[in-house]
């Protein structure tokens, strides 16, 4: 099984990339959040999932983040959610937010994601909800708080781990819920370092 791929990105489309590794060039499906982090000509290590089909060629799915692969792997365990739909869902949110929506059994929030209707959201919670029961994700991250999005994206772009950053932001917002985004980032940097 192909579990990883190391190479240089030679082309990026919205959710598809080409990666040159040795004498081979691989095409990989990626979430939009992954492709937004990549640059042509840069070298990356991808976590991969190889999907086999009876009626068409195999497809390779690539993830820069291990967490995104883990959530993708959980999604495809649900009935009627294949790799393409799982990738579409991941393109509409972050792994942390998706886990928070599933853990909090937020059917309405899940239904707003691309490719998910109410029935599919209910089935997703019923079939894989137990996988995220032990997740300690703050309520603020399950909401659509743009401050959290902005602060989390800023911290990740600075090289901090997404999971640790989200927990730190959640802790800060519990103490000071009305904090401005710039102060939220400053406080998070103090606590992470």
N, C-alpha and C. Protein backbone atom coordinates (compact mmCIF):
# COMPACT_ATOMS: atom_id res chain seq x y z
N UNK A 1 0.84 -1.19 0.00
CA UNK A 1 0.00 0.00 0.00
C UNK A 1 0.88 1.25 0.00
N UNK A 2 0.50 2.24 -0.77
CA UNK A 2 1.24 3.50 -0.84
C UNK A 2 0.75 4.42 0.28
N UNK A 3 1.57 4.61 1.32
CA UNK A 3 1.13 5.38 2.48
C UNK A 3 1.74 6.77 2.54
N UNK A 4 2.68 7.05 1.68
CA UNK A 4 3.29 8.37 1.67
C UNK A 4 4.01 8.62 0.36
N UNK A 5 4.21 9.89 0.08
CA UNK A 5 4.90 10.29 -1.16
C UNK A 5 5.68 11.56 -0.89
N UNK A 6 6.95 11.53 -1.27
CA UNK A 6 7.80 12.70 -1.10
C UNK A 6 8.20 13.19 -2.48
N UNK A 7 8.01 14.47 -2.73
CA UNK A 7 8.37 14.99 -4.04
C UNK A 7 8.13 16.48 -4.17
N UNK A 8 8.35 16.96 -5.38
CA UNK A 8 8.22 18.38 -5.68
C UNK A 8 6.92 18.63 -6.43
N UNK A 9 6.17 19.61 -5.98
CA UNK A 9 4.91 19.96 -6.64
C UNK A 9 5.23 20.68 -7.94
N UNK A 10 4.70 20.16 -9.06
CA UNK A 10 4.97 20.78 -10.36
C UNK A 10 3.73 21.47 -10.95
N UNK A 11 2.54 21.15 -10.43
CA UNK A 11 1.33 21.81 -10.92
C UNK A 11 0.26 21.75 -9.83
N UNK A 12 -0.49 22.85 -9.70
CA UNK A 12 -1.57 22.91 -8.72
C UNK A 12 -2.83 23.39 -9.41
N UNK A 13 -3.90 22.61 -9.25
CA UNK A 13 -5.23 23.05 -9.65
C UNK A 13 -6.04 23.22 -8.37
N UNK A 14 -7.33 23.48 -8.47
CA UNK A 14 -8.12 23.73 -7.27
C UNK A 14 -8.01 22.60 -6.25
N UNK A 15 -8.24 21.37 -6.68
CA UNK A 15 -8.14 20.25 -5.74
C UNK A 15 -7.41 19.05 -6.36
N UNK A 16 -6.43 19.36 -7.20
CA UNK A 16 -5.64 18.31 -7.84
C UNK A 16 -4.24 18.85 -8.07
N UNK A 17 -3.24 18.02 -7.77
CA UNK A 17 -1.85 18.47 -7.95
C UNK A 17 -1.06 17.39 -8.68
N UNK A 18 0.06 17.80 -9.27
CA UNK A 18 1.03 16.88 -9.84
C UNK A 18 2.31 16.99 -9.02
N UNK A 19 2.84 15.82 -8.62
CA UNK A 19 4.04 15.77 -7.79
C UNK A 19 5.08 14.91 -8.48
N UNK A 20 6.28 15.48 -8.69
CA UNK A 20 7.38 14.73 -9.29
C UNK A 20 8.21 14.10 -8.18
N UNK A 21 8.31 12.79 -8.24
CA UNK A 21 9.09 12.04 -7.26
C UNK A 21 10.00 11.09 -8.02
N UNK A 22 11.28 11.41 -8.05
CA UNK A 22 12.22 10.62 -8.85
C UNK A 22 11.84 10.73 -10.32
N UNK A 23 11.83 9.61 -11.05
CA UNK A 23 11.48 9.67 -12.48
C UNK A 23 9.97 9.68 -12.72
N UNK A 24 9.16 9.64 -11.66
CA UNK A 24 7.71 9.55 -11.81
C UNK A 24 7.01 10.86 -11.45
N UNK A 25 5.89 11.11 -12.12
CA UNK A 25 5.03 12.24 -11.77
C UNK A 25 3.67 11.66 -11.39
N UNK A 26 3.23 11.95 -10.17
CA UNK A 26 1.98 11.42 -9.65
C UNK A 26 0.92 12.51 -9.63
N UNK A 27 -0.30 12.13 -9.99
CA UNK A 27 -1.44 13.03 -9.85
C UNK A 27 -2.14 12.69 -8.54
N UNK A 28 -2.45 13.72 -7.74
CA UNK A 28 -3.09 13.49 -6.45
C UNK A 28 -4.27 14.43 -6.27
N UNK A 29 -5.35 13.86 -5.75
CA UNK A 29 -6.49 14.66 -5.34
C UNK A 29 -6.20 15.20 -3.94
N UNK A 30 -6.46 16.48 -3.73
CA UNK A 30 -6.21 17.11 -2.43
C UNK A 30 -7.38 18.02 -2.08
N UNK A 31 -7.55 18.26 -0.79
CA UNK A 31 -8.56 19.22 -0.37
C UNK A 31 -8.08 20.62 -0.74
N UNK A 32 -9.01 21.55 -0.82
CA UNK A 32 -8.64 22.93 -1.14
C UNK A 32 -7.74 23.49 -0.05
N UNK A 33 -7.98 23.11 1.21
CA UNK A 33 -7.12 23.62 2.30
C UNK A 33 -5.68 23.13 2.14
N UNK A 34 -5.49 21.95 1.57
CA UNK A 34 -4.14 21.45 1.31
C UNK A 34 -3.51 22.20 0.13
N UNK A 35 -4.24 22.33 -0.98
CA UNK A 35 -3.66 22.99 -2.15
C UNK A 35 -3.32 24.45 -1.88
N UNK A 36 -4.07 25.09 -0.98
CA UNK A 36 -3.79 26.49 -0.64
C UNK A 36 -2.47 26.64 0.11
N UNK A 37 -1.99 25.57 0.73
CA UNK A 37 -0.74 25.62 1.49
C UNK A 37 0.48 25.29 0.64
N UNK A 38 0.25 24.83 -0.59
CA UNK A 38 1.35 24.36 -1.43
C UNK A 38 1.85 25.44 -2.38
N UNK A 39 3.09 25.29 -2.82
CA UNK A 39 3.68 26.19 -3.82
C UNK A 39 4.37 25.33 -4.87
N UNK A 40 4.22 25.71 -6.13
CA UNK A 40 4.90 25.01 -7.22
C UNK A 40 6.41 25.16 -7.04
N UNK A 41 7.13 24.04 -7.23
CA UNK A 41 8.58 24.05 -7.09
C UNK A 41 9.07 23.70 -5.69
N UNK A 42 8.15 23.64 -4.72
CA UNK A 42 8.53 23.31 -3.35
C UNK A 42 8.44 21.79 -3.13
N UNK A 43 9.24 21.30 -2.19
CA UNK A 43 9.31 19.88 -1.86
C UNK A 43 8.44 19.60 -0.64
N UNK A 44 7.63 18.53 -0.70
CA UNK A 44 6.73 18.20 0.40
C UNK A 44 6.72 16.69 0.66
N UNK A 45 6.32 16.34 1.88
CA UNK A 45 6.03 14.96 2.25
C UNK A 45 4.52 14.84 2.39
N UNK A 46 3.91 13.99 1.61
CA UNK A 46 2.46 13.81 1.64
C UNK A 46 2.10 12.49 2.31
N UNK A 47 1.06 12.53 3.13
CA UNK A 47 0.40 11.31 3.60
C UNK A 47 -0.59 10.96 2.51
N UNK A 48 -0.69 9.70 2.14
CA UNK A 48 -1.54 9.36 1.00
C UNK A 48 -2.54 8.26 1.31
N UNK A 49 -3.57 8.24 0.48
CA UNK A 49 -4.56 7.16 0.50
C UNK A 49 -4.80 6.77 -0.96
N UNK A 50 -4.69 5.49 -1.26
CA UNK A 50 -4.88 5.00 -2.62
C UNK A 50 -6.22 4.27 -2.69
N UNK A 51 -7.12 4.81 -3.53
CA UNK A 51 -8.47 4.22 -3.66
C UNK A 51 -8.53 3.37 -4.92
N UNK A 52 -9.04 2.15 -4.78
CA UNK A 52 -9.20 1.24 -5.92
C UNK A 52 -10.68 1.12 -6.26
N UNK A 53 -10.96 1.05 -7.55
CA UNK A 53 -12.33 0.95 -8.04
C UNK A 53 -12.43 -0.19 -9.03
N UNK A 54 -13.63 -0.75 -9.18
CA UNK A 54 -13.85 -1.82 -10.15
C UNK A 54 -13.98 -1.30 -11.57
N UNK A 55 -14.55 -0.09 -11.69
CA UNK A 55 -14.90 0.42 -13.02
C UNK A 55 -14.01 1.54 -13.54
N UNK A 56 -12.98 1.96 -12.77
CA UNK A 56 -12.08 3.01 -13.26
C UNK A 56 -10.70 2.87 -12.60
N UNK A 57 -9.78 3.67 -13.06
CA UNK A 57 -8.40 3.60 -12.56
C UNK A 57 -8.32 4.00 -11.10
N UNK A 58 -7.31 3.49 -10.39
CA UNK A 58 -7.11 3.90 -8.99
C UNK A 58 -6.87 5.40 -8.90
N UNK A 59 -7.20 5.98 -7.76
CA UNK A 59 -6.98 7.41 -7.53
C UNK A 59 -6.17 7.60 -6.26
N UNK A 60 -5.26 8.56 -6.31
CA UNK A 60 -4.39 8.86 -5.18
C UNK A 60 -4.87 10.14 -4.51
N UNK A 61 -4.97 10.10 -3.19
CA UNK A 61 -5.38 11.25 -2.40
C UNK A 61 -4.23 11.64 -1.51
N UNK A 62 -3.90 12.94 -1.46
CA UNK A 62 -2.74 13.39 -0.70
C UNK A 62 -3.08 14.44 0.34
N UNK A 63 -2.37 14.39 1.46
CA UNK A 63 -2.60 15.30 2.58
C UNK A 63 -1.27 15.73 3.18
N UNK A 64 -1.11 17.02 3.41
CA UNK A 64 0.10 17.51 4.05
C UNK A 64 0.00 17.26 5.55
N UNK A 65 -1.22 17.34 6.07
CA UNK A 65 -1.45 17.17 7.51
C UNK A 65 -1.91 15.75 7.82
N UNK A 66 -1.29 15.14 8.82
CA UNK A 66 -1.70 13.81 9.28
C UNK A 66 -3.12 13.85 9.81
N UNK A 67 -3.48 14.93 10.48
CA UNK A 67 -4.82 15.08 11.05
C UNK A 67 -5.88 15.04 9.96
N UNK A 68 -5.61 15.70 8.83
CA UNK A 68 -6.58 15.71 7.74
C UNK A 68 -6.76 14.30 7.17
N UNK A 69 -5.68 13.54 7.05
CA UNK A 69 -5.79 12.15 6.59
C UNK A 69 -6.60 11.32 7.57
N UNK A 70 -6.38 11.53 8.86
CA UNK A 70 -7.14 10.77 9.88
C UNK A 70 -8.63 11.04 9.78
N UNK A 71 -9.01 12.31 9.59
CA UNK A 71 -10.44 12.65 9.47
C UNK A 71 -10.99 12.10 8.16
N UNK A 72 -10.22 12.19 7.08
CA UNK A 72 -10.62 11.62 5.79
C UNK A 72 -10.87 10.12 5.93
N UNK A 73 -9.96 9.43 6.61
CA UNK A 73 -10.09 7.98 6.81
C UNK A 73 -11.33 7.64 7.62
N UNK A 74 -11.67 8.49 8.60
CA UNK A 74 -12.89 8.27 9.39
C UNK A 74 -14.12 8.49 8.51
N UNK A 75 -14.11 9.53 7.70
CA UNK A 75 -15.27 9.84 6.85
C UNK A 75 -15.60 8.70 5.89
N UNK A 76 -14.57 8.10 5.28
CA UNK A 76 -14.85 7.06 4.28
C UNK A 76 -15.30 5.75 4.92
N UNK A 77 -15.26 5.67 6.25
CA UNK A 77 -15.81 4.50 6.93
C UNK A 77 -17.34 4.56 6.97
N UNK A 78 -17.89 5.77 6.80
CA UNK A 78 -19.35 5.92 6.83
C UNK A 78 -19.94 5.40 5.53
N UNK A 79 -21.11 4.82 5.62
CA UNK A 79 -21.83 4.27 4.47
C UNK A 79 -22.14 5.37 3.45
N UNK A 80 -21.88 5.09 2.19
CA UNK A 80 -22.16 5.99 1.06
C UNK A 80 -21.30 7.25 1.03
N UNK A 81 -20.20 7.27 1.80
CA UNK A 81 -19.26 8.39 1.69
C UNK A 81 -17.94 7.83 1.17
N UNK A 82 -17.69 8.08 -0.10
CA UNK A 82 -16.46 7.62 -0.72
C UNK A 82 -15.38 8.67 -0.62
N UNK A 83 -14.21 8.38 -1.16
CA UNK A 83 -13.10 9.32 -1.08
C UNK A 83 -13.39 10.69 -1.70
N UNK A 84 -14.09 10.72 -2.83
CA UNK A 84 -14.37 12.02 -3.47
C UNK A 84 -15.26 12.90 -2.60
N UNK A 85 -16.31 12.31 -2.03
CA UNK A 85 -17.21 13.08 -1.17
C UNK A 85 -16.49 13.49 0.12
N UNK A 86 -15.69 12.60 0.67
CA UNK A 86 -14.94 12.93 1.88
C UNK A 86 -14.02 14.13 1.63
N UNK A 87 -13.38 14.16 0.48
CA UNK A 87 -12.50 15.26 0.13
C UNK A 87 -13.29 16.56 -0.06
N UNK A 88 -14.46 16.44 -0.65
CA UNK A 88 -15.34 17.61 -0.85
C UNK A 88 -15.75 18.20 0.51
N UNK A 89 -16.09 17.31 1.45
CA UNK A 89 -16.47 17.75 2.79
C UNK A 89 -15.29 18.46 3.46
N UNK A 90 -14.10 17.86 3.39
CA UNK A 90 -12.91 18.45 4.00
C UNK A 90 -12.53 19.78 3.36
N UNK A 91 -12.89 19.96 2.10
CA UNK A 91 -12.59 21.22 1.42
C UNK A 91 -13.46 22.36 1.94
N UNK A 92 -14.54 22.01 2.63
CA UNK A 92 -15.46 23.03 3.13
C UNK A 92 -15.21 23.46 4.56
N UNK A 93 -14.23 22.85 5.23
CA UNK A 93 -13.99 23.18 6.64
C UNK A 93 -12.60 22.69 7.04
N UNK A 94 -12.25 22.88 8.30
CA UNK A 94 -10.98 22.36 8.82
C UNK A 94 -11.25 21.03 9.52
N UNK A 95 -10.24 20.18 9.66
CA UNK A 95 -10.44 18.93 10.39
C UNK A 95 -10.96 19.16 11.80
N UNK A 96 -10.44 20.17 12.49
CA UNK A 96 -10.89 20.45 13.86
C UNK A 96 -12.37 20.81 13.92
N UNK A 97 -12.79 21.68 13.00
CA UNK A 97 -14.20 22.08 12.99
C UNK A 97 -15.10 20.90 12.64
N UNK A 98 -14.67 20.08 11.70
CA UNK A 98 -15.48 18.93 11.32
C UNK A 98 -15.61 17.96 12.50
N UNK A 99 -14.51 17.71 13.20
CA UNK A 99 -14.57 16.84 14.37
C UNK A 99 -15.48 17.43 15.44
N UNK A 100 -15.42 18.77 15.60
CA UNK A 100 -16.26 19.43 16.59
C UNK A 100 -17.74 19.30 16.22
N UNK A 101 -18.05 19.46 14.95
CA UNK A 101 -19.44 19.34 14.49
C UNK A 101 -19.97 17.92 14.72
N UNK A 102 -19.13 16.94 14.44
CA UNK A 102 -19.55 15.54 14.62
C UNK A 102 -19.66 15.21 16.11
N UNK A 103 -18.65 15.62 16.90
CA UNK A 103 -18.64 15.33 18.34
C UNK A 103 -19.82 15.98 19.05
N UNK A 104 -20.19 17.20 18.61
CA UNK A 104 -21.31 17.90 19.25
C UNK A 104 -22.65 17.54 18.61
N UNK A 105 -22.62 16.62 17.64
CA UNK A 105 -23.83 16.15 16.95
C UNK A 105 -24.61 17.31 16.33
N UNK A 106 -23.87 18.22 15.72
CA UNK A 106 -24.45 19.42 15.12
C UNK A 106 -24.89 19.13 13.68
N UNK A 107 -26.12 18.63 13.54
CA UNK A 107 -26.63 18.24 12.22
C UNK A 107 -26.77 19.45 11.30
N UNK A 108 -27.21 20.57 11.85
CA UNK A 108 -27.38 21.77 11.03
C UNK A 108 -26.05 22.26 10.47
N UNK A 109 -25.03 22.30 11.34
CA UNK A 109 -23.70 22.73 10.90
C UNK A 109 -23.12 21.80 9.85
N UNK A 110 -23.30 20.48 10.04
CA UNK A 110 -22.81 19.50 9.07
C UNK A 110 -23.56 19.63 7.74
N UNK A 111 -24.86 19.89 7.81
CA UNK A 111 -25.68 19.99 6.60
C UNK A 111 -25.26 21.16 5.71
N UNK A 112 -24.59 22.15 6.31
CA UNK A 112 -24.14 23.31 5.53
C UNK A 112 -22.83 23.05 4.78
N UNK A 113 -22.19 21.92 5.04
CA UNK A 113 -20.93 21.60 4.35
C UNK A 113 -21.22 21.07 2.95
N UNK A 114 -20.30 21.28 2.01
CA UNK A 114 -20.52 20.80 0.64
C UNK A 114 -20.71 19.30 0.58
N UNK A 115 -21.73 18.87 -0.14
CA UNK A 115 -21.97 17.45 -0.34
C UNK A 115 -22.77 16.77 0.75
N UNK A 116 -23.11 17.52 1.82
CA UNK A 116 -23.84 16.92 2.93
C UNK A 116 -25.23 17.52 3.06
N UNK A 117 -26.22 16.66 3.07
CA UNK A 117 -27.58 17.07 3.39
C UNK A 117 -27.89 16.60 4.79
N UNK A 118 -29.12 16.84 5.23
CA UNK A 118 -29.51 16.48 6.59
C UNK A 118 -29.41 14.97 6.84
N UNK A 119 -29.90 14.17 5.89
CA UNK A 119 -29.89 12.71 6.08
C UNK A 119 -28.46 12.16 6.14
N UNK A 120 -27.61 12.67 5.26
CA UNK A 120 -26.21 12.21 5.26
C UNK A 120 -25.51 12.65 6.54
N UNK A 121 -25.81 13.86 7.00
CA UNK A 121 -25.22 14.35 8.25
C UNK A 121 -25.64 13.47 9.43
N UNK A 122 -26.93 13.10 9.47
CA UNK A 122 -27.42 12.23 10.53
C UNK A 122 -26.73 10.86 10.49
N UNK A 123 -26.58 10.33 9.26
CA UNK A 123 -25.93 9.03 9.11
C UNK A 123 -24.46 9.10 9.53
N UNK A 124 -23.81 10.21 9.19
CA UNK A 124 -22.41 10.42 9.54
C UNK A 124 -22.23 10.39 11.06
N UNK A 125 -23.09 11.09 11.77
CA UNK A 125 -23.03 11.14 13.23
C UNK A 125 -23.29 9.74 13.81
N UNK A 126 -24.31 9.07 13.26
CA UNK A 126 -24.67 7.74 13.77
C UNK A 126 -23.55 6.72 13.55
N UNK A 127 -22.90 6.79 12.39
CA UNK A 127 -21.92 5.77 12.03
C UNK A 127 -20.51 6.02 12.52
N UNK A 128 -20.09 7.30 12.56
CA UNK A 128 -18.70 7.56 12.98
C UNK A 128 -18.59 8.53 14.15
N UNK A 129 -19.71 8.94 14.71
CA UNK A 129 -19.68 9.88 15.84
C UNK A 129 -18.84 9.39 17.00
N UNK A 130 -18.88 8.08 17.24
CA UNK A 130 -18.11 7.50 18.36
C UNK A 130 -16.60 7.70 18.21
N UNK A 131 -16.14 7.91 16.97
CA UNK A 131 -14.70 8.08 16.74
C UNK A 131 -14.19 9.41 17.29
N UNK A 132 -15.12 10.36 17.48
CA UNK A 132 -14.72 11.70 17.92
C UNK A 132 -15.27 12.06 19.30
N UNK A 133 -15.84 11.10 20.01
CA UNK A 133 -16.44 11.38 21.32
C UNK A 133 -15.44 11.91 22.33
N UNK A 134 -14.21 11.46 22.27
CA UNK A 134 -13.21 11.88 23.24
C UNK A 134 -12.46 13.14 22.86
N UNK A 135 -12.84 13.74 21.75
CA UNK A 135 -12.18 14.98 21.32
C UNK A 135 -12.54 16.10 22.27
N UNK A 136 -11.54 16.82 22.74
CA UNK A 136 -11.77 17.97 23.62
C UNK A 136 -11.63 19.22 22.77
N UNK A 137 -12.72 19.55 22.12
CA UNK A 137 -12.72 20.70 21.23
C UNK A 137 -13.65 21.74 21.81
N UNK A 138 -13.17 22.94 21.99
CA UNK A 138 -13.98 24.00 22.58
C UNK A 138 -15.21 24.31 21.76
N UNK A 139 -16.27 24.77 22.45
CA UNK A 139 -17.51 25.11 21.76
C UNK A 139 -17.28 26.20 20.74
N UNK A 140 -16.35 27.11 21.04
CA UNK A 140 -16.11 28.23 20.12
C UNK A 140 -15.61 27.73 18.77
N UNK A 141 -14.88 26.60 18.75
CA UNK A 141 -14.36 26.11 17.48
C UNK A 141 -15.44 25.39 16.68
N UNK A 142 -16.51 24.97 17.34
CA UNK A 142 -17.61 24.35 16.62
C UNK A 142 -18.53 25.39 16.03
N UNK A 143 -18.38 26.65 16.45
CA UNK A 143 -19.22 27.72 15.92
C UNK A 143 -18.56 28.30 14.67
N UNK A 144 -19.24 29.24 14.07
CA UNK A 144 -18.68 29.90 12.88
C UNK A 144 -18.08 31.23 13.28
N UNK A 145 -17.20 31.26 14.26
CA UNK A 145 -16.58 32.47 14.78
C UNK A 145 -15.40 32.82 13.88
N UNK A 146 -15.52 33.93 13.16
CA UNK A 146 -14.46 34.30 12.21
C UNK A 146 -13.16 34.65 12.93
N UNK A 147 -13.25 35.10 14.19
CA UNK A 147 -12.03 35.39 14.95
C UNK A 147 -11.19 34.13 15.11
N UNK A 148 -11.85 33.02 15.40
CA UNK A 148 -11.14 31.75 15.58
C UNK A 148 -10.49 31.33 14.27
N UNK A 149 -11.25 31.45 13.17
CA UNK A 149 -10.70 31.10 11.85
C UNK A 149 -9.45 31.92 11.55
N UNK A 150 -9.56 33.25 11.74
CA UNK A 150 -8.45 34.15 11.43
C UNK A 150 -7.24 33.85 12.32
N UNK A 151 -7.49 33.69 13.61
CA UNK A 151 -6.39 33.43 14.54
C UNK A 151 -5.75 32.07 14.28
N UNK A 152 -6.58 31.05 14.03
CA UNK A 152 -6.05 29.71 13.77
C UNK A 152 -5.22 29.69 12.49
N UNK A 153 -5.72 30.32 11.43
CA UNK A 153 -4.97 30.38 10.17
C UNK A 153 -3.64 31.12 10.36
N UNK A 154 -3.66 32.19 11.16
CA UNK A 154 -2.42 32.95 11.41
C UNK A 154 -1.40 32.08 12.14
N UNK A 155 -1.85 31.36 13.16
CA UNK A 155 -0.93 30.51 13.94
C UNK A 155 -0.37 29.36 13.10
N UNK A 156 -1.23 28.74 12.29
CA UNK A 156 -0.77 27.64 11.43
C UNK A 156 0.23 28.16 10.40
N UNK A 157 -0.04 29.35 9.84
CA UNK A 157 0.90 29.91 8.85
C UNK A 157 2.25 30.24 9.47
N UNK A 158 2.26 30.46 10.79
CA UNK A 158 3.52 30.70 11.49
C UNK A 158 4.24 29.41 11.85
N UNK A 159 3.60 28.27 11.54
CA UNK A 159 4.25 26.98 11.75
C UNK A 159 3.80 26.22 12.98
N UNK A 160 2.80 26.74 13.69
CA UNK A 160 2.32 26.05 14.89
C UNK A 160 1.33 24.95 14.52
N UNK A 161 1.29 23.91 15.34
CA UNK A 161 0.41 22.77 15.13
C UNK A 161 -1.05 23.21 15.24
N UNK A 162 -1.88 22.78 14.29
CA UNK A 162 -3.29 23.19 14.25
C UNK A 162 -4.05 22.74 15.50
N UNK A 163 -3.84 21.51 15.92
CA UNK A 163 -4.58 20.97 17.07
C UNK A 163 -4.22 21.72 18.35
N UNK A 164 -2.93 21.94 18.58
CA UNK A 164 -2.50 22.66 19.79
C UNK A 164 -3.01 24.09 19.74
N UNK A 165 -2.90 24.73 18.59
CA UNK A 165 -3.37 26.11 18.44
C UNK A 165 -4.85 26.23 18.72
N UNK A 166 -5.65 25.29 18.21
CA UNK A 166 -7.09 25.36 18.42
C UNK A 166 -7.44 25.20 19.89
N UNK A 167 -6.72 24.35 20.59
CA UNK A 167 -6.98 24.17 22.03
C UNK A 167 -6.62 25.43 22.81
N UNK A 168 -5.49 26.05 22.46
CA UNK A 168 -5.07 27.28 23.13
C UNK A 168 -6.09 28.39 22.88
N UNK A 169 -6.53 28.54 21.64
CA UNK A 169 -7.54 29.56 21.31
C UNK A 169 -8.83 29.32 22.08
N UNK A 170 -9.24 28.07 22.17
CA UNK A 170 -10.45 27.72 22.90
C UNK A 170 -10.34 28.11 24.36
N UNK A 171 -9.18 27.83 24.98
CA UNK A 171 -8.96 28.17 26.38
C UNK A 171 -9.02 29.69 26.60
N UNK A 172 -8.42 30.44 25.68
CA UNK A 172 -8.42 31.90 25.80
C UNK A 172 -9.84 32.44 25.69
N UNK A 173 -10.61 31.93 24.73
CA UNK A 173 -11.97 32.43 24.51
C UNK A 173 -12.91 32.08 25.67
N UNK A 174 -12.61 31.01 26.39
CA UNK A 174 -13.44 30.68 27.56
C UNK A 174 -13.26 31.73 28.65
N UNK A 175 -12.04 32.25 28.78
CA UNK A 175 -11.75 33.25 29.80
C UNK A 175 -12.15 34.66 29.35
N UNK A 176 -11.85 34.99 28.09
CA UNK A 176 -12.15 36.32 27.54
C UNK A 176 -12.91 36.18 26.22
N UNK A 177 -14.23 35.95 26.29
CA UNK A 177 -15.00 35.68 25.07
C UNK A 177 -15.13 36.87 24.11
N UNK A 178 -14.92 38.09 24.60
CA UNK A 178 -15.09 39.28 23.73
C UNK A 178 -13.77 39.80 23.18
N UNK A 179 -12.71 39.03 23.27
CA UNK A 179 -11.37 39.47 22.84
C UNK A 179 -11.33 39.71 21.33
N UNK A 180 -10.61 40.74 20.93
CA UNK A 180 -10.42 41.05 19.50
C UNK A 180 -9.43 40.06 18.90
N UNK A 181 -9.50 39.86 17.58
CA UNK A 181 -8.68 38.84 16.93
C UNK A 181 -7.18 39.09 17.10
N UNK A 182 -6.74 40.35 17.02
CA UNK A 182 -5.30 40.64 17.17
C UNK A 182 -4.81 40.28 18.56
N UNK A 183 -5.61 40.61 19.58
CA UNK A 183 -5.25 40.26 20.96
C UNK A 183 -5.30 38.74 21.16
N UNK A 184 -6.27 38.09 20.50
CA UNK A 184 -6.39 36.64 20.58
C UNK A 184 -5.12 35.96 20.07
N UNK A 185 -4.59 36.45 18.96
CA UNK A 185 -3.36 35.90 18.38
C UNK A 185 -2.17 36.15 19.32
N UNK A 186 -2.09 37.38 19.87
CA UNK A 186 -0.98 37.71 20.79
C UNK A 186 -1.00 36.82 22.03
N UNK A 187 -2.20 36.64 22.61
CA UNK A 187 -2.33 35.79 23.79
C UNK A 187 -1.96 34.33 23.47
N UNK A 188 -2.40 33.87 22.31
CA UNK A 188 -2.10 32.50 21.91
C UNK A 188 -0.60 32.30 21.75
N UNK A 189 0.08 33.28 21.16
CA UNK A 189 1.54 33.18 20.96
C UNK A 189 2.26 33.10 22.31
N UNK A 190 1.76 33.82 23.30
CA UNK A 190 2.37 33.78 24.65
C UNK A 190 2.23 32.37 25.24
N UNK A 191 1.06 31.78 25.06
CA UNK A 191 0.78 30.48 25.68
C UNK A 191 1.44 29.32 24.93
N UNK A 192 1.52 29.41 23.60
CA UNK A 192 2.11 28.33 22.81
C UNK A 192 3.61 28.27 23.03
N UNK A 193 4.25 29.41 23.05
CA UNK A 193 5.71 29.46 23.22
C UNK A 193 6.04 29.22 24.65
